[in-house]
Amino acid sequence: MDRIVVAFANEEAQRRILRLLESNGCSPAGCCFSGAETIRLIRKMGSGIIVCGFKLRDMTAGDLAASVRGTAALLVVSSAVNLDFCEGENLTKLATPVSRGDFFASLELLMQFEAKHLHHPAPKRREEEQKLIQRAKELLMDINRMTESEAHRFLQKRSMDAGLKMVETAQMIIDSYTR
């Protein structure tokens, strides 16, 4: 059960789901408030299950399901009215209020599906790509006086905002500083 990501815009709802999972001995891989964070974490993991609400801070569960199709299965926990607006082949709906038994039965079904259909190892970067990203971080650290973690986060955010791979963003940064 370490391949579970909990994603709710509401902090209290997120805490309730975490307590429920922990009461059954489950320790999620991470917690997120936005769809972008969730997508990044699932892709880093390679595959997994997302337990989420109908609406995250930046997208709906349907949008999230479309973004992680083939990589993750979603268990959307929300009111029946909201669930009527959720669509996705990798999306399972669970109406609130939900019983503990129904929650874990649904989660178990998704875990079986994930094990058979979604197990994709996290992609590894080639050595030359790693060197390119490291070079971009070094430039950001030298020129913009960033720490390594700040430079890494800058690269990640810029990549996500532009819809590019991190290595493409790193190349753009190198090009802009070395012209």
N, C-alpha and C. Protein backbone atom coordinates (compact mmCIF):
# COMPACT_ATOMS: atom_id res chain seq x y z
N MET A 1 0.82 -1.21 0.00
CA MET A 1 0.00 0.00 0.00
C MET A 1 0.86 1.26 0.00
N ASP A 2 2.12 1.12 -0.34
CA ASP A 2 2.99 2.28 -0.37
C ASP A 2 2.91 3.00 -1.72
N ARG A 3 2.03 2.56 -2.61
CA ARG A 3 1.87 3.17 -3.92
C ARG A 3 0.60 4.01 -3.96
N ILE A 4 0.18 4.53 -2.81
CA ILE A 4 -1.03 5.34 -2.71
C ILE A 4 -0.65 6.79 -2.51
N VAL A 5 -1.31 7.67 -3.25
CA VAL A 5 -1.14 9.11 -3.09
C VAL A 5 -2.50 9.68 -2.69
N VAL A 6 -2.51 10.49 -1.66
CA VAL A 6 -3.74 11.12 -1.19
C VAL A 6 -3.74 12.56 -1.68
N ALA A 7 -4.83 12.95 -2.38
CA ALA A 7 -4.88 14.29 -2.98
C ALA A 7 -6.25 14.93 -2.73
N PHE A 8 -6.26 15.92 -1.85
CA PHE A 8 -7.47 16.68 -1.56
C PHE A 8 -7.11 18.14 -1.43
N ALA A 9 -7.94 19.02 -1.95
CA ALA A 9 -7.71 20.45 -1.82
C ALA A 9 -7.97 20.89 -0.38
N ASN A 10 -8.89 20.21 0.28
CA ASN A 10 -9.27 20.54 1.65
C ASN A 10 -8.37 19.78 2.62
N GLU A 11 -7.70 20.52 3.49
CA GLU A 11 -6.76 19.93 4.44
C GLU A 11 -7.43 18.96 5.40
N GLU A 12 -8.61 19.30 5.88
CA GLU A 12 -9.31 18.44 6.83
C GLU A 12 -9.74 17.13 6.18
N ALA A 13 -10.21 17.18 4.93
CA ALA A 13 -10.59 15.96 4.22
C ALA A 13 -9.35 15.08 4.01
N GLN A 14 -8.24 15.70 3.69
CA GLN A 14 -7.00 14.96 3.51
C GLN A 14 -6.58 14.26 4.81
N ARG A 15 -6.70 14.98 5.92
CA ARG A 15 -6.35 14.39 7.23
C ARG A 15 -7.23 13.20 7.57
N ARG A 16 -8.55 13.31 7.26
CA ARG A 16 -9.48 12.22 7.55
C ARG A 16 -9.10 10.95 6.77
N ILE A 17 -8.78 11.12 5.50
CA ILE A 17 -8.40 9.97 4.68
C ILE A 17 -7.08 9.38 5.18
N LEU A 18 -6.14 10.24 5.54
CA LEU A 18 -4.86 9.75 6.08
C LEU A 18 -5.07 8.94 7.34
N ARG A 19 -5.91 9.46 8.26
CA ARG A 19 -6.19 8.72 9.50
C ARG A 19 -6.83 7.37 9.19
N LEU A 20 -7.76 7.36 8.23
CA LEU A 20 -8.42 6.12 7.85
C LEU A 20 -7.42 5.12 7.31
N LEU A 21 -6.54 5.56 6.42
CA LEU A 21 -5.51 4.67 5.87
C LEU A 21 -4.56 4.17 6.95
N GLU A 22 -4.11 5.09 7.80
CA GLU A 22 -3.16 4.72 8.85
C GLU A 22 -3.78 3.78 9.87
N SER A 23 -5.10 3.90 10.10
CA SER A 23 -5.77 3.01 11.05
C SER A 23 -5.77 1.56 10.55
N ASN A 24 -5.54 1.40 9.25
CA ASN A 24 -5.49 0.06 8.66
C ASN A 24 -4.04 -0.35 8.35
N GLY A 25 -3.07 0.42 8.87
CA GLY A 25 -1.67 0.09 8.68
C GLY A 25 -1.09 0.53 7.35
N CYS A 26 -1.79 1.38 6.63
CA CYS A 26 -1.32 1.86 5.33
C CYS A 26 -0.57 3.17 5.50
N SER A 27 0.53 3.29 4.80
CA SER A 27 1.29 4.53 4.82
C SER A 27 1.41 5.04 3.39
N PRO A 28 0.66 6.09 3.04
CA PRO A 28 0.69 6.60 1.66
C PRO A 28 2.08 7.12 1.26
N ALA A 29 2.35 7.08 -0.03
CA ALA A 29 3.63 7.56 -0.56
C ALA A 29 3.72 9.07 -0.47
N GLY A 30 2.57 9.75 -0.44
CA GLY A 30 2.59 11.20 -0.35
C GLY A 30 1.20 11.78 -0.31
N CYS A 31 1.15 13.08 0.03
CA CYS A 31 -0.09 13.83 0.09
C CYS A 31 0.07 15.08 -0.75
N CYS A 32 -0.97 15.43 -1.49
CA CYS A 32 -0.91 16.58 -2.38
C CYS A 32 -2.19 17.39 -2.27
N PHE A 33 -2.09 18.67 -2.61
CA PHE A 33 -3.24 19.54 -2.63
C PHE A 33 -3.66 19.90 -4.05
N SER A 34 -2.75 19.76 -5.00
CA SER A 34 -3.05 20.14 -6.38
C SER A 34 -2.86 18.94 -7.31
N GLY A 35 -3.48 19.05 -8.46
CA GLY A 35 -3.33 18.01 -9.47
C GLY A 35 -1.92 17.94 -10.00
N ALA A 36 -1.29 19.10 -10.18
CA ALA A 36 0.07 19.14 -10.72
C ALA A 36 1.04 18.40 -9.79
N GLU A 37 0.91 18.62 -8.48
CA GLU A 37 1.76 17.91 -7.51
C GLU A 37 1.52 16.40 -7.60
N THR A 38 0.25 16.04 -7.72
CA THR A 38 -0.13 14.63 -7.77
C THR A 38 0.44 13.95 -9.01
N ILE A 39 0.32 14.61 -10.15
CA ILE A 39 0.84 14.06 -11.41
C ILE A 39 2.34 13.87 -11.32
N ARG A 40 3.02 14.86 -10.78
CA ARG A 40 4.48 14.79 -10.65
C ARG A 40 4.89 13.61 -9.76
N LEU A 41 4.19 13.43 -8.65
CA LEU A 41 4.53 12.35 -7.72
C LEU A 41 4.24 10.98 -8.33
N ILE A 42 3.09 10.83 -8.98
CA ILE A 42 2.73 9.55 -9.61
C ILE A 42 3.72 9.20 -10.70
N ARG A 43 4.11 10.18 -11.50
CA ARG A 43 5.08 9.90 -12.57
C ARG A 43 6.44 9.53 -12.00
N LYS A 44 6.80 10.15 -10.89
CA LYS A 44 8.06 9.81 -10.24
C LYS A 44 8.02 8.38 -9.70
N MET A 45 6.87 7.97 -9.19
CA MET A 45 6.70 6.62 -8.66
C MET A 45 6.61 5.58 -9.78
N GLY A 46 6.16 5.99 -10.94
CA GLY A 46 5.99 5.06 -12.06
C GLY A 46 4.55 4.65 -12.25
N SER A 47 3.85 4.37 -11.18
CA SER A 47 2.42 4.05 -11.21
C SER A 47 1.91 4.06 -9.78
N GLY A 48 0.60 3.98 -9.63
CA GLY A 48 0.04 3.97 -8.29
C GLY A 48 -1.44 4.22 -8.27
N ILE A 49 -1.96 4.42 -7.08
CA ILE A 49 -3.38 4.69 -6.86
C ILE A 49 -3.49 6.07 -6.22
N ILE A 50 -4.43 6.85 -6.71
CA ILE A 50 -4.67 8.19 -6.17
C ILE A 50 -6.04 8.17 -5.50
N VAL A 51 -6.07 8.50 -4.22
CA VAL A 51 -7.32 8.68 -3.49
C VAL A 51 -7.51 10.19 -3.42
N CYS A 52 -8.60 10.68 -4.04
CA CYS A 52 -8.75 12.12 -4.13
C CYS A 52 -10.20 12.56 -3.99
N GLY A 53 -10.38 13.87 -3.85
CA GLY A 53 -11.69 14.46 -3.84
C GLY A 53 -12.08 14.86 -5.26
N PHE A 54 -13.29 15.39 -5.40
CA PHE A 54 -13.78 15.78 -6.73
C PHE A 54 -12.98 16.92 -7.33
N LYS A 55 -12.60 17.88 -6.49
CA LYS A 55 -11.90 19.05 -7.00
C LYS A 55 -10.62 19.27 -6.22
N LEU A 56 -9.51 19.37 -6.94
CA LEU A 56 -8.24 19.72 -6.34
C LEU A 56 -8.05 21.23 -6.53
N ARG A 57 -6.93 21.77 -6.09
CA ARG A 57 -6.73 23.21 -6.17
C ARG A 57 -6.63 23.72 -7.60
N ASP A 58 -6.20 22.88 -8.54
CA ASP A 58 -5.99 23.36 -9.90
C ASP A 58 -6.70 22.56 -10.98
N MET A 59 -7.42 21.52 -10.61
CA MET A 59 -8.14 20.72 -11.61
C MET A 59 -9.16 19.82 -10.93
N THR A 60 -10.03 19.23 -11.74
CA THR A 60 -11.01 18.28 -11.21
C THR A 60 -10.43 16.88 -11.26
N ALA A 61 -11.11 15.95 -10.61
CA ALA A 61 -10.67 14.55 -10.62
C ALA A 61 -10.71 13.99 -12.05
N GLY A 62 -11.68 14.42 -12.85
CA GLY A 62 -11.75 13.97 -14.23
C GLY A 62 -10.53 14.41 -15.04
N ASP A 63 -10.10 15.66 -14.82
CA ASP A 63 -8.90 16.17 -15.49
C ASP A 63 -7.66 15.38 -15.05
N LEU A 64 -7.59 15.11 -13.76
CA LEU A 64 -6.47 14.35 -13.21
C LEU A 64 -6.45 12.94 -13.80
N ALA A 65 -7.63 12.30 -13.87
CA ALA A 65 -7.72 10.95 -14.42
C ALA A 65 -7.21 10.91 -15.86
N ALA A 66 -7.57 11.92 -16.64
CA ALA A 66 -7.12 11.98 -18.03
C ALA A 66 -5.60 12.16 -18.10
N SER A 67 -5.05 12.93 -17.18
CA SER A 67 -3.61 13.21 -17.18
C SER A 67 -2.76 12.00 -16.78
N VAL A 68 -3.31 11.10 -15.99
CA VAL A 68 -2.53 9.96 -15.51
C VAL A 68 -3.04 8.63 -16.07
N ARG A 69 -3.83 8.70 -17.14
CA ARG A 69 -4.36 7.48 -17.77
C ARG A 69 -3.20 6.56 -18.14
N GLY A 70 -3.32 5.29 -17.78
CA GLY A 70 -2.26 4.33 -18.06
C GLY A 70 -1.17 4.28 -17.01
N THR A 71 -1.19 5.26 -16.10
CA THR A 71 -0.17 5.33 -15.05
C THR A 71 -0.76 5.14 -13.67
N ALA A 72 -1.99 5.62 -13.46
CA ALA A 72 -2.59 5.56 -12.14
C ALA A 72 -4.09 5.31 -12.24
N ALA A 73 -4.63 4.72 -11.18
CA ALA A 73 -6.07 4.54 -11.02
C ALA A 73 -6.51 5.48 -9.90
N LEU A 74 -7.69 6.08 -10.06
CA LEU A 74 -8.19 7.04 -9.07
C LEU A 74 -9.36 6.47 -8.30
N LEU A 75 -9.40 6.74 -7.00
CA LEU A 75 -10.56 6.49 -6.16
C LEU A 75 -11.04 7.87 -5.73
N VAL A 76 -12.15 8.32 -6.31
CA VAL A 76 -12.66 9.66 -6.03
C VAL A 76 -13.72 9.54 -4.94
N VAL A 77 -13.47 10.21 -3.82
CA VAL A 77 -14.37 10.20 -2.68
C VAL A 77 -15.01 11.58 -2.59
N SER A 78 -16.32 11.63 -2.84
CA SER A 78 -17.01 12.92 -2.83
C SER A 78 -18.51 12.69 -2.71
N SER A 79 -19.27 13.79 -2.70
CA SER A 79 -20.72 13.69 -2.64
C SER A 79 -21.24 13.08 -3.93
N ALA A 80 -22.41 12.46 -3.87
CA ALA A 80 -23.00 11.82 -5.04
C ALA A 80 -23.23 12.83 -6.16
N VAL A 81 -23.60 14.06 -5.80
CA VAL A 81 -23.83 15.11 -6.81
C VAL A 81 -22.54 15.39 -7.58
N ASN A 82 -21.43 15.55 -6.89
CA ASN A 82 -20.15 15.81 -7.56
C ASN A 82 -19.71 14.62 -8.40
N LEU A 83 -19.95 13.42 -7.91
CA LEU A 83 -19.50 12.23 -8.63
C LEU A 83 -20.19 12.09 -9.98
N ASP A 84 -21.39 12.66 -10.12
CA ASP A 84 -22.09 12.62 -11.41
C ASP A 84 -21.30 13.34 -12.50
N PHE A 85 -20.43 14.25 -12.11
CA PHE A 85 -19.64 15.03 -13.07
C PHE A 85 -18.26 14.41 -13.33
N CYS A 86 -17.96 13.29 -12.70
CA CYS A 86 -16.66 12.63 -12.87
C CYS A 86 -16.74 11.58 -13.96
N GLU A 87 -15.80 11.61 -14.87
CA GLU A 87 -15.71 10.62 -15.93
C GLU A 87 -14.25 10.21 -16.09
N GLY A 88 -14.04 8.98 -16.47
CA GLY A 88 -12.68 8.50 -16.72
C GLY A 88 -12.63 6.99 -16.61
N GLU A 89 -11.94 6.36 -17.55
CA GLU A 89 -11.86 4.90 -17.54
C GLU A 89 -11.01 4.38 -16.38
N ASN A 90 -10.15 5.22 -15.83
CA ASN A 90 -9.30 4.82 -14.72
C ASN A 90 -9.77 5.43 -13.40
N LEU A 91 -11.08 5.72 -13.33
CA LEU A 91 -11.64 6.43 -12.19
C LEU A 91 -12.74 5.58 -11.55
N THR A 92 -12.65 5.38 -10.24
CA THR A 92 -13.67 4.69 -9.46
C THR A 92 -14.27 5.69 -8.51
N LYS A 93 -15.60 5.68 -8.38
CA LYS A 93 -16.30 6.67 -7.57
C LYS A 93 -16.78 6.04 -6.27
N LEU A 94 -16.71 6.83 -5.20
CA LEU A 94 -17.18 6.39 -3.89
C LEU A 94 -17.89 7.57 -3.23
N ALA A 95 -19.21 7.44 -3.05
CA ALA A 95 -20.01 8.54 -2.52
C ALA A 95 -19.89 8.64 -1.00
N THR A 96 -19.85 9.87 -0.51
CA THR A 96 -19.83 10.13 0.93
C THR A 96 -21.27 10.22 1.42
N PRO A 97 -21.54 9.87 2.67
CA PRO A 97 -20.60 9.31 3.64
C PRO A 97 -20.26 7.87 3.25
N VAL A 98 -19.03 7.51 3.50
CA VAL A 98 -18.53 6.20 3.09
C VAL A 98 -18.19 5.37 4.32
N SER A 99 -18.53 4.09 4.24
CA SER A 99 -18.18 3.20 5.35
C SER A 99 -16.73 2.75 5.19
N ARG A 100 -16.14 2.41 6.29
CA ARG A 100 -14.76 1.93 6.29
C ARG A 100 -14.62 0.69 5.39
N GLY A 101 -15.57 -0.21 5.48
CA GLY A 101 -15.54 -1.43 4.69
C GLY A 101 -15.60 -1.15 3.19
N ASP A 102 -16.50 -0.25 2.78
CA ASP A 102 -16.62 0.10 1.37
C ASP A 102 -15.35 0.78 0.86
N PHE A 103 -14.77 1.63 1.70
CA PHE A 103 -13.55 2.33 1.30
C PHE A 103 -12.43 1.34 1.03
N PHE A 104 -12.19 0.43 1.96
CA PHE A 104 -11.08 -0.50 1.80
C PHE A 104 -11.37 -1.57 0.74
N ALA A 105 -12.63 -1.93 0.54
CA ALA A 105 -12.97 -2.86 -0.54
C ALA A 105 -12.68 -2.22 -1.90
N SER A 106 -13.05 -0.95 -2.05
CA SER A 106 -12.77 -0.23 -3.30
C SER A 106 -11.28 -0.08 -3.51
N LEU A 107 -10.57 0.24 -2.46
CA LEU A 107 -9.12 0.40 -2.55
C LEU A 107 -8.45 -0.93 -2.93
N GLU A 108 -8.92 -2.02 -2.37
CA GLU A 108 -8.37 -3.34 -2.68
C GLU A 108 -8.58 -3.68 -4.15
N LEU A 109 -9.76 -3.38 -4.68
CA LEU A 109 -10.03 -3.61 -6.11
C LEU A 109 -9.06 -2.83 -6.98
N LEU A 110 -8.84 -1.58 -6.63
CA LEU A 110 -7.92 -0.75 -7.40
C LEU A 110 -6.49 -1.25 -7.29
N MET A 111 -6.11 -1.75 -6.13
CA MET A 111 -4.76 -2.29 -5.96
C MET A 111 -4.55 -3.51 -6.84
N GLN A 112 -5.56 -4.36 -6.95
CA GLN A 112 -5.45 -5.52 -7.83
C GLN A 112 -5.33 -5.08 -9.29
N PHE A 113 -6.13 -4.08 -9.68
CA PHE A 113 -6.07 -3.56 -11.04
C PHE A 113 -4.69 -2.95 -11.31
N GLU A 114 -4.19 -2.16 -10.35
CA GLU A 114 -2.89 -1.51 -10.51
C GLU A 114 -1.79 -2.53 -10.66
N ALA A 115 -1.84 -3.59 -9.89
CA ALA A 115 -0.80 -4.62 -9.95
C ALA A 115 -0.77 -5.32 -11.30
N LYS A 116 -1.94 -5.50 -11.91
CA LYS A 116 -2.01 -6.22 -13.18
C LYS A 116 -1.79 -5.32 -14.39
N HIS A 117 -2.28 -4.10 -14.32
CA HIS A 117 -2.35 -3.28 -15.53
C HIS A 117 -1.50 -2.02 -15.53
N LEU A 118 -1.09 -1.56 -14.39
CA LEU A 118 -0.45 -0.25 -14.36
C LEU A 118 0.99 -0.26 -13.90
N HIS A 119 1.57 -1.39 -13.67
CA HIS A 119 2.93 -1.39 -13.12
C HIS A 119 3.95 -0.98 -14.18
N HIS A 120 4.35 0.24 -14.10
CA HIS A 120 5.37 0.78 -15.00
C HIS A 120 6.50 1.31 -14.14
N PRO A 121 7.71 0.84 -14.34
CA PRO A 121 8.81 1.39 -13.55
C PRO A 121 9.02 2.86 -13.89
N ALA A 122 9.44 3.60 -12.90
CA ALA A 122 9.70 5.02 -13.11
C ALA A 122 10.80 5.18 -14.16
N PRO A 123 10.58 6.06 -15.12
CA PRO A 123 11.60 6.23 -16.16
C PRO A 123 12.88 6.80 -15.57
N LYS A 124 13.99 6.27 -16.01
CA LYS A 124 15.30 6.75 -15.57
C LYS A 124 15.87 7.67 -16.64
N ARG A 125 16.53 8.71 -16.19
CA ARG A 125 17.17 9.62 -17.14
C ARG A 125 18.51 9.04 -17.59
N ARG A 126 18.80 9.29 -18.84
CA ARG A 126 20.11 8.87 -19.34
C ARG A 126 21.17 9.78 -18.72
N GLU A 127 22.41 9.30 -18.74
CA GLU A 127 23.52 10.03 -18.12
C GLU A 127 23.69 11.41 -18.73
N GLU A 128 23.57 11.53 -20.05
CA GLU A 128 23.75 12.84 -20.68
C GLU A 128 22.62 13.81 -20.29
N GLU A 129 21.43 13.28 -20.07
CA GLU A 129 20.33 14.13 -19.62
C GLU A 129 20.58 14.62 -18.19
N GLN A 130 21.07 13.73 -17.34
CA GLN A 130 21.39 14.11 -15.96
C GLN A 130 22.46 15.19 -15.94
N LYS A 131 23.46 15.06 -16.81
CA LYS A 131 24.53 16.06 -16.87
C LYS A 131 23.99 17.40 -17.34
N LEU A 132 23.07 17.38 -18.30
CA LEU A 132 22.46 18.60 -18.81
C LEU A 132 21.67 19.31 -17.71
N ILE A 133 20.90 18.56 -16.96
CA ILE A 133 20.12 19.14 -15.86
C ILE A 133 21.06 19.68 -14.78
N GLN A 134 22.10 18.94 -14.47
CA GLN A 134 23.07 19.41 -13.47
C GLN A 134 23.75 20.70 -13.93
N ARG A 135 24.09 20.79 -15.20
CA ARG A 135 24.72 22.00 -15.75
C ARG A 135 23.79 23.19 -15.63
N ALA A 136 22.51 22.99 -15.94
CA ALA A 136 21.52 24.07 -15.82
C ALA A 136 21.39 24.52 -14.37
N LYS A 137 21.37 23.56 -13.44
CA LYS A 137 21.28 23.91 -12.02
C LYS A 137 22.52 24.70 -11.59
N GLU A 138 23.69 24.29 -12.06
CA GLU A 138 24.92 25.01 -11.71
C GLU A 138 24.89 26.44 -12.21
N LEU A 139 24.39 26.64 -13.42
CA LEU A 139 24.27 28.01 -13.96
C LEU A 139 23.31 28.84 -13.11
N LEU A 140 22.19 28.27 -12.76
CA LEU A 140 21.22 28.99 -11.92
C LEU A 140 21.82 29.32 -10.55
N MET A 141 22.59 28.39 -10.01
CA MET A 141 23.21 28.60 -8.71
C MET A 141 24.27 29.71 -8.79
N ASP A 142 25.07 29.69 -9.84
CA ASP A 142 26.15 30.68 -9.98
C ASP A 142 25.61 32.06 -10.32
N ILE A 143 24.73 32.14 -11.29
CA ILE A 143 24.28 33.44 -11.80
C ILE A 143 23.17 34.04 -10.95
N ASN A 144 22.24 33.21 -10.51
CA ASN A 144 21.10 33.72 -9.75
C ASN A 144 21.20 33.48 -8.25
N ARG A 145 22.35 32.99 -7.81
CA ARG A 145 22.60 32.77 -6.38
C ARG A 145 21.52 31.91 -5.71
N MET A 146 21.17 30.83 -6.39
CA MET A 146 20.19 29.89 -5.84
C MET A 146 20.93 28.75 -5.16
N THR A 147 20.27 28.11 -4.21
CA THR A 147 20.80 26.87 -3.66
C THR A 147 20.47 25.77 -4.66
N GLU A 148 21.06 24.59 -4.47
CA GLU A 148 20.77 23.50 -5.41
C GLU A 148 19.30 23.12 -5.39
N SER A 149 18.69 23.07 -4.21
CA SER A 149 17.28 22.71 -4.13
C SER A 149 16.40 23.78 -4.78
N GLU A 150 16.77 25.06 -4.61
CA GLU A 150 16.01 26.14 -5.26
C GLU A 150 16.13 26.03 -6.79
N ALA A 151 17.32 25.75 -7.28
CA ALA A 151 17.53 25.60 -8.72
C ALA A 151 16.74 24.41 -9.25
N HIS A 152 16.73 23.32 -8.51
CA HIS A 152 15.98 22.13 -8.93
C HIS A 152 14.48 22.43 -8.98
N ARG A 153 13.98 23.07 -7.95
CA ARG A 153 12.55 23.43 -7.92
C ARG A 153 12.21 24.41 -9.03
N PHE A 154 13.11 25.35 -9.31
CA PHE A 154 12.91 26.30 -10.40
C PHE A 154 12.77 25.55 -11.73
N LEU A 155 13.67 24.60 -11.96
CA LEU A 155 13.62 23.80 -13.19
C LEU A 155 12.32 22.99 -13.27
N GLN A 156 11.93 22.38 -12.16
CA GLN A 156 10.70 21.60 -12.15
C GLN A 156 9.49 22.47 -12.45
N LYS A 157 9.39 23.59 -11.76
CA LYS A 157 8.23 24.47 -11.94
C LYS A 157 8.19 25.04 -13.34
N ARG A 158 9.30 25.49 -13.84
CA ARG A 158 9.36 26.05 -15.19
C ARG A 158 8.96 24.99 -16.22
N SER A 159 9.40 23.76 -16.00
CA SER A 159 9.06 22.66 -16.91
C SER A 159 7.56 22.39 -16.90
N MET A 160 6.99 22.32 -15.71
CA MET A 160 5.55 22.06 -15.61
C MET A 160 4.74 23.20 -16.20
N ASP A 161 5.13 24.43 -15.92
CA ASP A 161 4.39 25.58 -16.44
C ASP A 161 4.43 25.62 -17.96
N ALA A 162 5.54 25.23 -18.54
CA ALA A 162 5.70 25.27 -20.00
C ALA A 162 5.25 23.96 -20.67
N GLY A 163 4.97 22.93 -19.86
CA GLY A 163 4.57 21.65 -20.42
C GLY A 163 5.72 20.94 -21.13
N LEU A 164 6.93 21.15 -20.63
CA LEU A 164 8.12 20.55 -21.23
C LEU A 164 8.74 19.54 -20.28
N LYS A 165 9.57 18.67 -20.84
CA LYS A 165 10.35 17.77 -20.00
C LYS A 165 11.44 18.61 -19.32
N MET A 166 11.89 18.14 -18.18
CA MET A 166 12.89 18.88 -17.42
C MET A 166 14.18 19.05 -18.21
N VAL A 167 14.55 18.05 -18.99
CA VAL A 167 15.77 18.13 -19.77
C VAL A 167 15.64 19.21 -20.86
N GLU A 168 14.45 19.39 -21.42
CA GLU A 168 14.23 20.44 -22.43
C GLU A 168 14.35 21.83 -21.81
N THR A 169 13.79 21.99 -20.60
CA THR A 169 13.90 23.25 -19.90
C THR A 169 15.36 23.53 -19.54
N ALA A 170 16.08 22.51 -19.10
CA ALA A 170 17.50 22.66 -18.77
C ALA A 170 18.27 23.15 -19.99
N GLN A 171 17.98 22.57 -21.15
CA GLN A 171 18.67 22.99 -22.38
C GLN A 171 18.37 24.44 -22.71
N MET A 172 17.12 24.86 -22.52
CA MET A 172 16.76 26.27 -22.78
C MET A 172 17.52 27.21 -21.85
N ILE A 173 17.65 26.83 -20.59
CA ILE A 173 18.37 27.66 -19.61
C ILE A 173 19.85 27.74 -19.99
N ILE A 174 20.43 26.63 -20.35
CA ILE A 174 21.84 26.61 -20.76
C ILE A 174 22.03 27.49 -21.99
N ASP A 175 21.14 27.37 -22.97
CA ASP A 175 21.22 28.17 -24.18
C ASP A 175 21.10 29.67 -23.87
N SER A 176 20.20 30.03 -22.98
CA SER A 176 19.98 31.45 -22.69
C SER A 176 21.16 32.08 -21.92
N TYR A 177 21.86 31.30 -21.11
CA TYR A 177 22.96 31.83 -20.34
C TYR A 177 24.32 31.75 -21.07
N THR A 178 24.41 30.90 -22.08
CA THR A 178 25.72 30.72 -22.72
C THR A 178 25.78 31.29 -24.13
N ARG A 179 24.86 32.12 -24.50
CA ARG A 179 24.89 32.73 -25.83
C ARG A 179 25.86 33.87 -25.87
